[in-house]
Amino acid sequence: MTRHEKRRNYEATIKLKLRSVNQLFNSLDPSPFVEKDLDADAEEFIVSWAQEFPLQAPLRLRVYLEQRPAEDPTELVREAVHNYFSYRRNLNEMEFKRLMKLGRFSLLIGLLFLGTCLGVTTTLLASAKGNWVEVLRESVTIGGWVAMWRPMEIYLYEWWPLRQMGQTYSKLTRMPIEVTYNGGG
C-alpha cells in the first residue's frame, strides 16, 4: 500500500470525554434531547477538530462517558449530534444564499455607479481643461471603481469560508458516533 493510499484510507477520530451525556447538551435548551442544541464548548471542540482533518478524510466521533447511564445513550447521542449539525448546515446554507443575494445586489449597484462615473468622466469632463478638472476626473473614476470593492470582496473572498464550513457541517451530519464508558476505548 502506497503512502497516498494509506492517507486516503485513514479515518480521523474525534475523542470527546464527558462525565455524563447531559454535558454534551446546552442545559438552558428545554427541547427534548434529540432536538437540543449542543453545548457551545462541545460544538466548538467537535467542529475545530473536524476542521483539523482533510475534508475528504472519513471522520468518527467517539464519546467517552465516566458515568454509565441506565440505558445505552448511543442512539440518542447519534441522533442528537446529527440533528444538530444538520440544523447548523441548513443555517449555513441560508447564510450562503443571503451572501450571494447581497453580492448580486452589491454588484448591480457597483456596476451602475461605475457606469455613471465613467459616463460623467467621458461626457461631462472630457472637454474641460485644468488641474482641478483632472483631479475631479480621476476622483470620479476612482470612486466608481471603489464602488466595486464590496461585490469583489464577496465573490473573491467571503463565500468560500462559508461554503467550507457548510461542507464540514455536512460531514458531521454523517459521521459514525460511538459511546464508550469509563474512559475506555
C-alpha atoms as a PDB file:
ATOM      1  CA  MET A   1       0.000   0.000   0.000  1.00  0.00           C
ATOM      2  CA  THR A   2       1.417   3.362  -1.015  1.00  0.00           C
ATOM      3  CA  ARG A   3       1.631   6.375   1.255  1.00  0.00           C
ATOM      4  CA  HIS A   4      -1.183   8.059  -0.714  1.00  0.00           C
ATOM      5  CA  GLU A   5      -3.449   5.010  -0.299  1.00  0.00           C
ATOM      6  CA  LYS A   6      -2.785   4.928   3.452  1.00  0.00           C
ATOM      7  CA  ARG A   7      -3.702   8.591   3.784  1.00  0.00           C
ATOM      8  CA  ARG A   8      -6.900   8.058   1.759  1.00  0.00           C
ATOM      9  CA  ASN A   9      -7.962   5.089   3.931  1.00  0.00           C
ATOM     10  CA  TYR A  10      -7.206   6.910   7.192  1.00  0.00           C
ATOM     11  CA  GLU A  11     -10.196   7.570   9.422  1.00  0.00           C
ATOM     12  CA  ALA A  12      -9.933  10.528  11.784  1.00  0.00           C
ATOM     13  CA  THR A  13     -11.403  10.098  15.255  1.00  0.00           C
ATOM     14  CA  ILE A  14     -12.583  12.958  17.432  1.00  0.00           C
ATOM     15  CA  LYS A  15     -12.434  11.903  21.084  1.00  0.00           C
ATOM     16  CA  LEU A  16     -14.755  13.665  23.498  1.00  0.00           C
ATOM     17  CA  LYS A  17     -14.531  12.862  27.231  1.00  0.00           C
ATOM     18  CA  LEU A  18     -17.573  13.699  29.377  1.00  0.00           C
ATOM     19  CA  ARG A  19     -18.810  12.906  32.878  1.00  0.00           C
ATOM     20  CA  SER A  20     -22.348  12.264  31.606  1.00  0.00           C
ATOM     21  CA  VAL A  21     -24.402  12.564  28.424  1.00  0.00           C
ATOM     22  CA  ASN A  22     -26.039  15.735  29.788  1.00  0.00           C
ATOM     23  CA  GLN A  23     -22.704  17.535  29.471  1.00  0.00           C
ATOM     24  CA  LEU A  24     -22.985  17.250  25.681  1.00  0.00           C
ATOM     25  CA  PHE A  25     -26.131  19.391  25.536  1.00  0.00           C
ATOM     26  CA  ASN A  26     -26.990  23.023  26.226  1.00  0.00           C
ATOM     27  CA  SER A  27     -28.558  22.925  29.688  1.00  0.00           C
ATOM     28  CA  LEU A  28     -30.673  26.030  29.001  1.00  0.00           C
ATOM     29  CA  ASP A  29     -32.409  24.484  25.974  1.00  0.00           C
ATOM     30  CA  PRO A  30     -35.768  22.999  27.088  1.00  0.00           C
ATOM     31  CA  SER A  31     -36.144  20.824  23.958  1.00  0.00           C
ATOM     32  CA  PRO A  32     -36.063  17.020  24.118  1.00  0.00           C
ATOM     33  CA  PHE A  33     -32.525  15.597  23.858  1.00  0.00           C
ATOM     34  CA  VAL A  34     -32.642  14.740  20.144  1.00  0.00           C
ATOM     35  CA  GLU A  35     -33.693  18.328  19.349  1.00  0.00           C
ATOM     36  CA  LYS A  36     -31.438  20.109  21.863  1.00  0.00           C
ATOM     37  CA  ASP A  37     -28.591  22.383  20.959  1.00  0.00           C
ATOM     38  CA  LEU A  38     -25.171  21.025  21.732  1.00  0.00           C
ATOM     39  CA  ASP A  39     -23.232  22.698  24.499  1.00  0.00           C
ATOM     40  CA  ALA A  40     -21.222  25.571  22.960  1.00  0.00           C
ATOM     41  CA  ASP A  41     -17.920  24.117  24.196  1.00  0.00           C
ATOM     42  CA  ALA A  42     -18.756  20.651  22.875  1.00  0.00           C
ATOM     43  CA  GLU A  43     -19.761  22.082  19.497  1.00  0.00           C
ATOM     44  CA  GLU A  44     -16.600  24.175  19.253  1.00  0.00           C
ATOM     45  CA  PHE A  45     -14.467  21.159  20.203  1.00  0.00           C
ATOM     46  CA  ILE A  46     -16.086  18.879  17.600  1.00  0.00           C
ATOM     47  CA  VAL A  47     -16.056  21.459  14.797  1.00  0.00           C
ATOM     48  CA  SER A  48     -12.498  22.620  15.444  1.00  0.00           C
ATOM     49  CA  TRP A  49     -11.221  19.031  15.396  1.00  0.00           C
ATOM     50  CA  ALA A  50     -13.223  18.255  12.263  1.00  0.00           C
ATOM     51  CA  GLN A  51     -11.570  21.221  10.563  1.00  0.00           C
ATOM     52  CA  GLU A  52      -8.121  19.904  11.511  1.00  0.00           C
ATOM     53  CA  PHE A  53      -8.584  16.862   9.291  1.00  0.00           C
ATOM     54  CA  PRO A  54      -8.809  16.917   5.490  1.00  0.00           C
ATOM     55  CA  LEU A  55     -12.362  17.356   4.236  1.00  0.00           C
ATOM     56  CA  GLN A  56     -12.133  14.063   2.328  1.00  0.00           C
ATOM     57  CA  ALA A  57     -10.923  12.044   5.343  1.00  0.00           C
ATOM     58  CA  PRO A  58     -13.588   9.863   6.961  1.00  0.00           C
ATOM     59  CA  LEU A  59     -14.474  11.143  10.409  1.00  0.00           C
ATOM     60  CA  ARG A  60     -15.731   9.420  13.565  1.00  0.00           C
ATOM     61  CA  LEU A  61     -16.831  10.795  16.935  1.00  0.00           C
ATOM     62  CA  ARG A  62     -16.055   8.693  19.995  1.00  0.00           C
ATOM     63  CA  VAL A  63     -17.711   9.895  23.211  1.00  0.00           C
ATOM     64  CA  TYR A  64     -16.184   8.600  26.459  1.00  0.00           C
ATOM     65  CA  LEU A  65     -18.524   8.738  29.463  1.00  0.00           C
ATOM     66  CA  GLU A  66     -17.354   8.441  33.050  1.00  0.00           C
ATOM     67  CA  GLN A  67     -20.850   7.627  34.309  1.00  0.00           C
ATOM     68  CA  ARG A  68     -22.715   4.731  32.729  1.00  0.00           C
ATOM     69  CA  PRO A  69     -26.388   5.702  32.303  1.00  0.00           C
ATOM     70  CA  ALA A  70     -29.252   3.255  32.957  1.00  0.00           C
ATOM     71  CA  GLU A  71     -29.934   2.944  29.212  1.00  0.00           C
ATOM     72  CA  ASP A  72     -27.451   2.908  26.335  1.00  0.00           C
ATOM     73  CA  PRO A  73     -27.344   6.523  25.040  1.00  0.00           C
ATOM     74  CA  THR A  74     -25.576   5.731  21.755  1.00  0.00           C
ATOM     75  CA  GLU A  75     -28.634   6.138  19.522  1.00  0.00           C
ATOM     76  CA  LEU A  76     -29.758   9.250  21.398  1.00  0.00           C
ATOM     77  CA  VAL A  77     -26.311  10.857  21.069  1.00  0.00           C
ATOM     78  CA  ARG A  78     -26.027   9.865  17.402  1.00  0.00           C
ATOM     79  CA  GLU A  79     -29.434  11.274  16.514  1.00  0.00           C
ATOM     80  CA  ALA A  80     -28.958  14.448  18.568  1.00  0.00           C
ATOM     81  CA  VAL A  81     -25.495  15.219  17.143  1.00  0.00           C
ATOM     82  CA  HIS A  82     -26.585  14.503  13.564  1.00  0.00           C
ATOM     83  CA  ASN A  83     -29.754  16.614  14.001  1.00  0.00           C
ATOM     84  CA  TYR A  84     -27.791  19.492  15.468  1.00  0.00           C
ATOM     85  CA  PHE A  85     -25.196  19.594  12.694  1.00  0.00           C
ATOM     86  CA  SER A  86     -27.926  19.175  10.083  1.00  0.00           C
ATOM     87  CA  TYR A  87     -29.577  22.255  11.603  1.00  0.00           C
ATOM     88  CA  ARG A  88     -26.230  24.123  11.510  1.00  0.00           C
ATOM     89  CA  ARG A  89     -25.722  23.065   7.864  1.00  0.00           C
ATOM     90  CA  ASN A  90     -29.170  24.436   6.974  1.00  0.00           C
ATOM     91  CA  LEU A  91     -28.398  27.745   8.706  1.00  0.00           C
ATOM     92  CA  ASN A  92     -25.097  27.862   6.831  1.00  0.00           C
ATOM     93  CA  GLU A  93     -26.879  27.288   3.503  1.00  0.00           C
ATOM     94  CA  MET A  94     -29.303  30.129   4.266  1.00  0.00           C
ATOM     95  CA  GLU A  95     -26.369  32.393   5.167  1.00  0.00           C
ATOM     96  CA  PHE A  96     -24.606  31.439   1.926  1.00  0.00           C
ATOM     97  CA  LYS A  97     -27.719  32.239  -0.134  1.00  0.00           C
ATOM     98  CA  ARG A  98     -28.084  35.562   1.707  1.00  0.00           C
ATOM     99  CA  LEU A  99     -24.447  36.405   0.961  1.00  0.00           C
ATOM    100  CA  MET A 100     -24.849  35.560  -2.741  1.00  0.00           C
ATOM    101  CA  LYS A 101     -28.002  37.707  -2.911  1.00  0.00           C
ATOM    102  CA  LEU A 102     -26.125  40.565  -1.246  1.00  0.00           C
ATOM    103  CA  GLY A 103     -23.287  40.010  -3.725  1.00  0.00           C
ATOM    104  CA  ARG A 104     -25.643  40.254  -6.712  1.00  0.00           C
ATOM    105  CA  PHE A 105     -27.312  43.377  -5.324  1.00  0.00           C
ATOM    106  CA  SER A 106     -23.936  44.960  -4.490  1.00  0.00           C
ATOM    107  CA  LEU A 107     -22.626  44.080  -7.946  1.00  0.00           C
ATOM    108  CA  LEU A 108     -25.634  45.685  -9.621  1.00  0.00           C
ATOM    109  CA  ILE A 109     -25.239  48.863  -7.562  1.00  0.00           C
ATOM    110  CA  GLY A 110     -21.469  48.893  -8.118  1.00  0.00           C
ATOM    111  CA  LEU A 111     -21.786  48.452 -11.885  1.00  0.00           C
ATOM    112  CA  LEU A 112     -24.443  51.153 -12.153  1.00  0.00           C
ATOM    113  CA  PHE A 113     -22.358  53.561 -10.096  1.00  0.00           C
ATOM    114  CA  LEU A 114     -19.184  52.710 -12.017  1.00  0.00           C
ATOM    115  CA  GLY A 115     -21.005  53.195 -15.331  1.00  0.00           C
ATOM    116  CA  THR A 116     -22.357  56.537 -14.147  1.00  0.00           C
ATOM    117  CA  CYS A 117     -18.903  57.660 -13.017  1.00  0.00           C
ATOM    118  CA  LEU A 118     -17.277  56.613 -16.276  1.00  0.00           C
ATOM    119  CA  GLY A 119     -20.089  58.288 -18.205  1.00  0.00           C
ATOM    120  CA  VAL A 120     -19.549  61.540 -16.275  1.00  0.00           C
ATOM    121  CA  THR A 121     -15.795  61.482 -16.914  1.00  0.00           C
ATOM    122  CA  THR A 122     -16.145  60.767 -20.638  1.00  0.00           C
ATOM    123  CA  THR A 123     -19.027  63.131 -21.424  1.00  0.00           C
ATOM    124  CA  LEU A 124     -19.126  65.994 -18.949  1.00  0.00           C
ATOM    125  CA  LEU A 125     -15.453  66.274 -18.025  1.00  0.00           C
ATOM    126  CA  ALA A 126     -13.853  65.169 -21.306  1.00  0.00           C
ATOM    127  CA  SER A 127     -13.563  68.605 -22.880  1.00  0.00           C
ATOM    128  CA  ALA A 128     -12.810  70.570 -19.720  1.00  0.00           C
ATOM    129  CA  LYS A 129      -9.208  71.623 -19.050  1.00  0.00           C
ATOM    130  CA  GLY A 130      -7.229  72.457 -15.937  1.00  0.00           C
ATOM    131  CA  ASN A 131      -5.654  70.799 -12.924  1.00  0.00           C
ATOM    132  CA  TRP A 132      -8.851  70.801 -10.843  1.00  0.00           C
ATOM    133  CA  VAL A 133     -10.770  69.166 -13.663  1.00  0.00           C
ATOM    134  CA  GLU A 134      -8.096  66.478 -13.960  1.00  0.00           C
ATOM    135  CA  VAL A 135      -8.256  65.845 -10.192  1.00  0.00           C
ATOM    136  CA  LEU A 136     -12.066  65.690 -10.363  1.00  0.00           C
ATOM    137  CA  ARG A 137     -11.951  63.325 -13.378  1.00  0.00           C
ATOM    138  CA  GLU A 138      -9.563  60.950 -11.595  1.00  0.00           C
ATOM    139  CA  SER A 139     -11.515  61.172  -8.320  1.00  0.00           C
ATOM    140  CA  VAL A 140     -14.798  60.284 -10.009  1.00  0.00           C
ATOM    141  CA  THR A 141     -13.155  57.367 -11.841  1.00  0.00           C
ATOM    142  CA  ILE A 142     -11.555  56.060  -8.636  1.00  0.00           C
ATOM    143  CA  GLY A 143     -14.873  56.468  -6.803  1.00  0.00           C
ATOM    144  CA  GLY A 144     -16.565  54.318  -9.440  1.00  0.00           C
ATOM    145  CA  TRP A 145     -14.011  51.553  -9.031  1.00  0.00           C
ATOM    146  CA  VAL A 146     -14.188  51.745  -5.230  1.00  0.00           C
ATOM    147  CA  ALA A 147     -17.931  51.057  -5.521  1.00  0.00           C
ATOM    148  CA  MET A 148     -16.941  47.635  -6.897  1.00  0.00           C
ATOM    149  CA  TRP A 149     -14.969  46.812  -3.726  1.00  0.00           C
ATOM    150  CA  ARG A 150     -17.781  45.093  -1.791  1.00  0.00           C
ATOM    151  CA  PRO A 151     -19.062  42.828  -4.578  1.00  0.00           C
ATOM    152  CA  MET A 152     -15.493  41.817  -5.414  1.00  0.00           C
ATOM    153  CA  GLU A 153     -14.811  41.099  -1.735  1.00  0.00           C
ATOM    154  CA  ILE A 154     -17.893  38.872  -1.571  1.00  0.00           C
ATOM    155  CA  TYR A 155     -17.176  36.982  -4.803  1.00  0.00           C
ATOM    156  CA  LEU A 156     -13.430  36.642  -4.285  1.00  0.00           C
ATOM    157  CA  TYR A 157     -13.075  36.042  -0.548  1.00  0.00           C
ATOM    158  CA  GLU A 158     -16.200  35.822   1.624  1.00  0.00           C
ATOM    159  CA  TRP A 159     -18.094  32.948   0.016  1.00  0.00           C
ATOM    160  CA  TRP A 160     -15.529  30.151   0.219  1.00  0.00           C
ATOM    161  CA  PRO A 161     -15.015  30.017   4.035  1.00  0.00           C
ATOM    162  CA  LEU A 162     -18.803  29.862   4.390  1.00  0.00           C
ATOM    163  CA  ARG A 163     -19.001  27.068   1.809  1.00  0.00           C
ATOM    164  CA  GLN A 164     -16.172  25.170   3.513  1.00  0.00           C
ATOM    165  CA  MET A 165     -17.942  25.403   6.885  1.00  0.00           C
ATOM    166  CA  GLY A 166     -21.083  24.053   5.221  1.00  0.00           C
ATOM    167  CA  GLN A 167     -19.104  21.083   3.923  1.00  0.00           C
ATOM    168  CA  THR A 168     -17.753  20.481   7.429  1.00  0.00           C
ATOM    169  CA  TYR A 169     -21.274  20.548   8.865  1.00  0.00           C
ATOM    170  CA  SER A 170     -22.438  18.126   6.151  1.00  0.00           C
ATOM    171  CA  LYS A 171     -19.625  15.785   7.056  1.00  0.00           C
ATOM    172  CA  LEU A 172     -20.566  15.979  10.744  1.00  0.00           C
ATOM    173  CA  THR A 173     -24.178  15.019   9.939  1.00  0.00           C
ATOM    174  CA  ARG A 174     -22.965  11.686   8.528  1.00  0.00           C
ATOM    175  CA  MET A 175     -20.083  10.744  10.817  1.00  0.00           C
ATOM    176  CA  PRO A 176     -20.337   7.491  12.775  1.00  0.00           C
ATOM    177  CA  ILE A 177     -20.674   8.038  16.521  1.00  0.00           C
ATOM    178  CA  GLU A 178     -19.657   5.642  19.291  1.00  0.00           C
ATOM    179  CA  VAL A 179     -20.266   5.913  23.023  1.00  0.00           C
ATOM    180  CA  THR A 180     -17.973   4.090  25.442  1.00  0.00           C
ATOM    181  CA  TYR A 181     -17.769   4.083  29.248  1.00  0.00           C
ATOM    182  CA  ASN A 182     -15.197   4.670  31.979  1.00  0.00           C
ATOM    183  CA  GLY A 183     -12.789   6.362  29.584  1.00  0.00           C
ATOM    184  CA  GLY A 184     -12.157   3.032  27.864  1.00  0.00           C
ATOM    185  CA  GLY A 185     -11.723   2.657  24.142  1.00  0.00           C
END
